[in-house]
């Protein structure tokens, strides 16, 4: 049992290390030969955004999975996994604070405390967004430890709105449309990735005591995931066409850093979709043991989703493509 737990810990550490390398090393690979220049500290900013997105996925996914679990017959007497939301909120606070320090220096990497203008954060739109995200993660962590953890959904919603507004400044054409697309895209993506993570945690916990309930929970998630994937695909396509007009998409996918990262994300999502279909096929089998075998492709799916989160963070740090 200890060997199995140690193996899982090593696998998680390896996945985290690989995911961290994406925003750290990805900018130089994506920018190579494009003639574009990235902002200073793009790798560090990408890592901070990856942590922020991952924290959002963990918190929102945990609440989503708890809601699904209450709809599985006979699940009330079964144990629940350890609450990860407070730890995720702490990581989100650190990431939001790091991003706020970058904004306070005029989007430069601070070298010392005197470089940062904390008071100036309240005077800029990006600074206000960074402070809002930090405070929202702080409140979400307190709510996660309260008697009614569902109250954390309100500050988490504030974080998603803040990210949507940050990604589409007023200088952009039709920023509210872009923010609306990002709002739906980010919400569905967090539910998809975070939800699957916590569904697998419950399935592993229930494997011996309630295997049928675990398979039923994965089946409920799979039905919702179809809707989430459709929304993610639609909003992602619309956002891409807003960034890159249809006549230039194919060219910019290989000649711009943003396009290359976007192409990598699309390929990873295709792999995730294939793994999800494999898991759904196994869920349709006749015996409970065969249905529980869907755990294997679903576990691979959540690992690839971790890479999708890392690439998404990289996308937010790279220069936007020029509209031709």
Protein backbone atom coordinates (compact mmCIF):
# COMPACT_ATOMS: atom_id res chain seq x y z
CA UNK A 1 0.00 0.00 0.00
CA UNK A 2 2.85 2.36 0.89
CA UNK A 3 4.61 1.52 -2.36
CA UNK A 4 1.44 2.36 -4.31
CA UNK A 5 1.07 5.68 -2.48
CA UNK A 6 4.75 6.50 -3.12
CA UNK A 7 4.29 5.67 -6.80
CA UNK A 8 1.30 8.01 -7.04
CA UNK A 9 3.25 10.79 -5.31
CA UNK A 10 6.17 10.41 -7.71
CA UNK A 11 3.80 10.43 -10.71
CA UNK A 12 2.14 13.62 -9.47
CA UNK A 13 5.50 15.33 -8.93
CA UNK A 14 6.64 14.36 -12.42
CA UNK A 15 3.41 15.70 -13.94
CA UNK A 16 3.74 18.98 -12.02
CA UNK A 17 7.37 19.33 -13.12
CA UNK A 18 6.49 18.70 -16.77
CA UNK A 19 3.57 21.14 -16.58
CA UNK A 20 5.84 23.83 -15.06
CA UNK A 21 8.31 23.40 -17.91
CA UNK A 22 5.62 24.35 -20.45
CA UNK A 23 5.34 28.04 -19.43
CA UNK A 24 9.04 28.22 -18.51
CA UNK A 25 10.50 26.83 -21.75
CA UNK A 26 7.49 27.26 -24.03
CA UNK A 27 7.93 30.98 -24.81
CA UNK A 28 11.37 30.57 -26.42
CA UNK A 29 10.17 27.61 -28.49
CA UNK A 30 6.96 29.36 -29.57
CA UNK A 31 8.71 32.65 -30.41
CA UNK A 32 11.57 31.08 -32.34
CA UNK A 33 11.69 32.43 -35.89
CA UNK A 34 8.50 34.52 -35.58
CA UNK A 35 10.19 37.91 -35.22
CA UNK A 36 7.99 38.62 -32.18
CA UNK A 37 9.24 39.74 -28.79
CA UNK A 38 7.79 38.60 -25.48
CA UNK A 39 7.35 40.77 -22.41
CA UNK A 40 10.04 40.57 -19.70
CA UNK A 41 9.64 37.63 -17.33
CA UNK A 42 7.14 35.85 -19.59
CA UNK A 43 8.15 32.44 -18.21
CA UNK A 44 7.55 33.44 -14.60
CA UNK A 45 4.25 35.09 -15.46
CA UNK A 46 3.21 31.91 -17.28
CA UNK A 47 4.01 29.77 -14.22
CA UNK A 48 2.02 32.10 -11.96
CA UNK A 49 -0.96 31.97 -14.32
CA UNK A 50 -0.69 28.17 -14.46
CA UNK A 51 -0.87 28.02 -10.65
CA UNK A 52 -3.80 30.43 -10.65
CA UNK A 53 -5.73 28.41 -13.25
CA UNK A 54 -4.94 25.12 -11.49
CA UNK A 55 -6.13 26.50 -8.15
CA UNK A 56 -9.37 27.65 -9.78
CA UNK A 57 -9.87 24.20 -11.35
CA UNK A 58 -9.28 22.39 -8.05
CA UNK A 59 -11.69 24.56 -6.08
CA UNK A 60 -14.47 24.75 -8.66
CA UNK A 61 -14.09 21.06 -9.55
CA UNK A 62 -14.36 19.99 -5.93
CA UNK A 63 -17.65 21.84 -5.46
CA UNK A 64 -18.93 20.49 -8.79
CA UNK A 65 -18.06 16.89 -7.90
CA UNK A 66 -19.69 17.18 -4.47
CA UNK A 67 -22.87 18.30 -6.25
CA UNK A 68 -22.68 15.31 -8.61
CA UNK A 69 -21.98 12.88 -5.75
CA UNK A 70 -25.19 13.89 -3.97
CA UNK A 71 -27.07 12.61 -7.03
CA UNK A 72 -25.60 9.11 -6.83
CA UNK A 73 -27.98 6.73 -4.98
CA UNK A 74 -26.69 5.48 -1.62
CA UNK A 75 -23.69 7.78 -1.55
CA UNK A 76 -24.54 9.62 1.65
CA UNK A 77 -22.96 7.00 3.92
CA UNK A 78 -19.79 6.72 1.87
CA UNK A 79 -16.69 8.77 2.89
CA UNK A 80 -15.53 11.83 0.99
CA UNK A 81 -11.94 12.62 0.00
CA UNK A 82 -9.91 15.16 1.93
CA UNK A 83 -10.85 18.77 1.19
CA UNK A 84 -8.25 20.31 -1.14
CA UNK A 85 -10.00 23.65 -1.62
CA UNK A 86 -8.23 25.54 1.23
CA UNK A 87 -4.81 24.50 -0.07
CA UNK A 88 -5.76 25.44 -3.63
CA UNK A 89 -6.98 28.83 -2.39
CA UNK A 90 -3.62 29.37 -0.67
CA UNK A 91 -1.76 28.57 -3.89
CA UNK A 92 -4.11 30.90 -5.78
CA UNK A 93 -3.39 33.71 -3.30
CA UNK A 94 0.37 33.31 -3.80
CA UNK A 95 -0.02 33.29 -7.60
CA UNK A 96 -2.33 36.32 -7.58
CA UNK A 97 0.06 38.17 -5.28
CA UNK A 98 2.96 37.40 -7.63
CA UNK A 99 1.00 38.67 -10.62
CA UNK A 100 0.03 41.80 -8.68
CA UNK A 101 3.72 42.49 -7.97
CA UNK A 102 4.43 42.32 -11.72
CA UNK A 103 1.58 44.71 -12.48
CA UNK A 104 2.79 47.11 -9.76
CA UNK A 105 6.11 47.56 -11.58
CA UNK A 106 4.52 48.34 -14.93
CA UNK A 107 4.47 44.69 -16.10
CA UNK A 108 8.18 44.29 -15.37
CA UNK A 109 9.75 41.71 -13.10
CA UNK A 110 10.45 43.41 -9.72
CA UNK A 111 14.06 43.15 -8.57
CA UNK A 112 13.50 44.65 -5.11
CA UNK A 113 10.61 45.85 -2.96
CA UNK A 114 11.22 49.50 -3.83
CA UNK A 115 10.42 48.71 -7.48
CA UNK A 116 6.80 47.97 -6.61
CA UNK A 117 4.14 50.65 -6.38
CA UNK A 118 1.50 48.85 -4.32
CA UNK A 119 -0.63 51.97 -3.92
CA UNK A 120 -0.69 52.44 -7.66
CA UNK A 121 -2.49 49.12 -8.11
CA UNK A 122 -5.75 50.81 -7.18
CA UNK A 123 -5.31 53.37 -9.96
CA UNK A 124 -5.05 50.98 -12.92
CA UNK A 125 -7.47 48.47 -14.38
CA UNK A 126 -4.94 45.61 -14.37
CA UNK A 127 -3.94 46.44 -10.81
CA UNK A 128 -7.54 46.41 -9.62
CA UNK A 129 -8.08 43.03 -11.34
CA UNK A 130 -4.96 41.59 -9.65
CA UNK A 131 -6.09 42.79 -6.23
CA UNK A 132 -9.60 41.45 -6.82
CA UNK A 133 -8.21 37.99 -7.67
CA UNK A 134 -6.02 37.94 -4.55
CA UNK A 135 -8.90 38.97 -2.27
CA UNK A 136 -11.29 36.53 -3.96
CA UNK A 137 -8.92 33.59 -3.42
CA UNK A 138 -8.50 34.65 0.20
CA UNK A 139 -12.27 34.76 0.75
CA UNK A 140 -12.74 31.45 -1.12
CA UNK A 141 -10.23 29.78 1.19
CA UNK A 142 -12.09 31.03 4.27
CA UNK A 143 -15.41 29.87 2.80
CA UNK A 144 -13.93 26.42 2.03
CA UNK A 145 -13.17 25.99 5.75
CA UNK A 146 -16.59 27.21 6.86
CA UNK A 147 -19.68 25.14 7.61
CA UNK A 148 -21.07 26.05 4.19
CA UNK A 149 -18.23 25.54 1.71
CA UNK A 150 -20.65 26.12 -1.18
CA UNK A 151 -20.33 29.85 -0.44
CA UNK A 152 -16.87 29.75 -2.06
CA UNK A 153 -18.61 29.71 -5.45
CA UNK A 154 -19.26 33.47 -5.25
CA UNK A 155 -15.58 34.54 -4.91
CA UNK A 156 -14.60 31.92 -7.50
CA UNK A 157 -17.11 33.47 -9.90
CA UNK A 158 -15.50 36.85 -9.21
CA UNK A 159 -12.10 35.43 -10.19
CA UNK A 160 -13.47 34.11 -13.49
CA UNK A 161 -15.09 37.48 -14.26
CA UNK A 162 -11.83 39.26 -13.39
CA UNK A 163 -9.83 36.97 -15.71
CA UNK A 164 -12.33 37.51 -18.52
CA UNK A 165 -12.08 41.29 -18.16
CA UNK A 166 -8.28 41.19 -17.89
CA UNK A 167 -8.00 39.23 -21.15
CA UNK A 168 -10.06 41.82 -23.05
CA UNK A 169 -9.10 45.44 -22.27
CA UNK A 170 -11.34 48.33 -23.38
CA UNK A 171 -8.95 49.13 -26.26
CA UNK A 172 -9.97 45.89 -27.98
CA UNK A 173 -12.83 45.75 -30.48
CA UNK A 174 -16.08 44.62 -28.78
CA UNK A 175 -14.35 43.75 -25.47
CA UNK A 176 -17.58 42.68 -23.78
CA UNK A 177 -18.17 39.98 -26.39
CA UNK A 178 -14.63 38.72 -25.92
CA UNK A 179 -15.00 38.79 -22.14
CA UNK A 180 -18.27 36.86 -22.39
CA UNK A 181 -16.64 34.16 -24.52
CA UNK A 182 -13.72 33.88 -22.10
CA UNK A 183 -16.11 33.74 -19.15
CA UNK A 184 -17.94 30.72 -20.56
CA UNK A 185 -14.74 29.08 -21.83
CA UNK A 186 -12.87 29.39 -18.52
CA UNK A 187 -15.85 28.26 -16.43
CA UNK A 188 -16.47 25.15 -18.52
CA UNK A 189 -12.75 24.32 -18.69
CA UNK A 190 -12.37 24.58 -14.90
CA UNK A 191 -15.41 22.36 -14.36
CA UNK A 192 -14.13 19.82 -16.90
CA UNK A 193 -10.56 19.53 -15.60
CA UNK A 194 -11.24 20.04 -11.91
CA UNK A 195 -14.37 17.93 -11.94
CA UNK A 196 -12.61 14.92 -13.46
CA UNK A 197 -9.76 15.19 -10.93
CA UNK A 198 -12.13 14.97 -7.97
CA UNK A 199 -14.33 12.31 -9.58
CA UNK A 200 -11.24 10.09 -9.85
CA UNK A 201 -10.35 10.83 -6.22
CA UNK A 202 -13.78 9.65 -5.11
CA UNK A 203 -13.63 6.60 -7.36
CA UNK A 204 -10.30 5.56 -5.83
CA UNK A 205 -11.73 6.05 -2.33
CA UNK A 206 -14.90 4.09 -3.14
CA UNK A 207 -13.16 1.34 -5.11
CA UNK A 208 -13.50 -1.27 -2.37
CA UNK A 209 -16.57 -0.06 -0.48
CA UNK A 210 -18.83 1.22 -3.27
CA UNK A 211 -17.50 0.42 -6.76
CA UNK A 212 -20.93 0.78 -8.37
CA UNK A 213 -21.33 4.26 -6.91
CA UNK A 214 -17.91 5.24 -8.28
CA UNK A 215 -18.79 4.07 -11.79
CA UNK A 216 -22.15 5.83 -11.54
CA UNK A 217 -20.42 9.07 -10.52
CA UNK A 218 -18.08 8.89 -13.52
CA UNK A 219 -21.12 8.25 -15.73
CA UNK A 220 -22.87 11.37 -14.40
CA UNK A 221 -19.73 13.41 -14.97
CA UNK A 222 -19.34 12.04 -18.51
CA UNK A 223 -22.84 13.21 -19.45
CA UNK A 224 -22.15 16.73 -18.20
CA UNK A 225 -18.68 16.71 -19.76
CA UNK A 226 -20.22 16.37 -23.24
CA UNK A 227 -22.01 19.69 -22.76
CA UNK A 228 -18.87 21.27 -21.29
CA UNK A 229 -16.75 20.11 -24.24
CA UNK A 230 -19.27 21.50 -26.73
CA UNK A 231 -19.24 24.88 -24.96
CA UNK A 232 -15.43 24.91 -24.75
CA UNK A 233 -15.10 24.08 -28.45
CA UNK A 234 -17.64 26.69 -29.55
CA UNK A 235 -16.27 29.53 -27.42
CA UNK A 236 -12.67 28.59 -28.28
CA UNK A 237 -13.43 28.68 -32.00
CA UNK A 238 -15.20 32.03 -31.73
CA UNK A 239 -12.34 33.50 -29.67
CA UNK A 240 -9.79 32.25 -32.21
CA UNK A 241 -11.67 33.87 -35.09
CA UNK A 242 -11.76 37.12 -33.12
CA UNK A 243 -7.99 36.99 -32.63
CA UNK A 244 -7.17 35.69 -36.12
CA UNK A 245 -9.50 36.33 -39.08
CA UNK A 246 -10.52 33.17 -41.00
CA UNK A 247 -8.33 33.99 -43.99
CA UNK A 248 -5.18 34.13 -41.82
CA UNK A 249 -5.82 31.37 -39.25
CA UNK A 250 -3.89 28.57 -40.96
CA UNK A 251 -0.89 30.82 -41.59
CA UNK A 252 -0.81 32.34 -38.10
CA UNK A 253 -1.11 28.93 -36.44
CA UNK A 254 2.46 28.18 -37.56
CA UNK A 255 4.04 31.63 -37.96
CA UNK A 256 3.06 33.30 -34.65
CA UNK A 257 3.91 32.31 -31.09
CA UNK A 258 0.25 32.59 -30.05
CA UNK A 259 -0.84 30.43 -32.99
CA UNK A 260 1.73 27.74 -32.24
CA UNK A 261 0.69 27.54 -28.60
CA UNK A 262 -2.95 27.46 -29.65
CA UNK A 263 -2.23 24.62 -32.07
CA UNK A 264 -0.50 22.67 -29.29
CA UNK A 265 -3.54 23.21 -27.08
CA UNK A 266 -5.91 22.00 -29.81
CA UNK A 267 -3.86 18.82 -30.30
CA UNK A 268 -3.85 18.14 -26.55
CA UNK A 269 -7.61 18.66 -26.36
CA UNK A 270 -7.99 16.16 -29.23
CA UNK A 271 -6.02 13.61 -27.16
CA UNK A 272 -8.21 14.36 -24.15
CA UNK A 273 -11.33 13.85 -26.24
CA UNK A 274 -10.08 10.47 -27.49
CA UNK A 275 -9.36 9.35 -23.91
CA UNK A 276 -12.80 10.56 -22.81
CA UNK A 277 -14.45 8.53 -25.58
CA UNK A 278 -12.46 5.45 -24.51
CA UNK A 279 -13.62 5.90 -20.91
CA UNK A 280 -17.23 6.40 -22.01
CA UNK A 281 -17.08 3.21 -24.10
CA UNK A 282 -15.96 1.25 -21.05
CA UNK A 283 -18.75 2.79 -18.97
CA UNK A 284 -21.23 1.18 -21.37
CA UNK A 285 -20.09 -2.36 -20.54
CA UNK A 286 -22.37 -4.83 -18.76
CA UNK A 287 -20.61 -5.74 -15.49
CA UNK A 288 -19.64 -3.28 -12.70
CA UNK A 289 -16.00 -4.42 -12.84
CA UNK A 290 -15.83 -3.70 -16.58
CA UNK A 291 -17.45 -0.31 -16.08
CA UNK A 292 -14.90 0.54 -13.39
CA UNK A 293 -12.11 -0.07 -15.91
CA UNK A 294 -13.03 3.38 -17.30
CA UNK A 295 -10.87 4.69 -14.45
CA UNK A 296 -7.70 3.92 -16.46
CA UNK A 297 -8.30 6.16 -19.54
CA UNK A 298 -9.93 8.77 -17.29
CA UNK A 299 -6.76 8.95 -15.21
CA UNK A 300 -4.71 9.51 -18.37
CA UNK A 301 -7.26 12.12 -19.42
CA UNK A 302 -6.79 14.18 -16.26
CA UNK A 303 -3.00 14.05 -16.72
CA UNK A 304 -3.28 15.47 -20.24
CA UNK A 305 -5.76 18.07 -18.98
CA UNK A 306 -3.02 19.24 -16.63
CA UNK A 307 -0.86 19.94 -19.68
CA UNK A 308 -3.79 21.76 -21.30
CA UNK A 309 -3.96 24.06 -18.26
CA UNK A 310 -0.22 24.73 -18.57
CA UNK A 311 -0.48 25.56 -22.29
CA UNK A 312 -3.49 27.80 -21.58
CA UNK A 313 -1.37 29.71 -19.06
CA UNK A 314 1.35 30.04 -21.69
CA UNK A 315 -1.17 31.48 -24.15
CA UNK A 316 -2.08 34.30 -21.75
CA UNK A 317 1.58 35.33 -21.47
CA UNK A 318 2.48 35.33 -25.18
CA UNK A 319 2.00 38.37 -27.45
CA UNK A 320 -1.33 38.40 -29.25
CA UNK A 321 -1.26 37.88 -33.02
CA UNK A 322 -1.62 40.89 -35.26
CA UNK A 323 -4.93 41.09 -37.14
CA UNK A 324 -4.11 41.27 -40.85
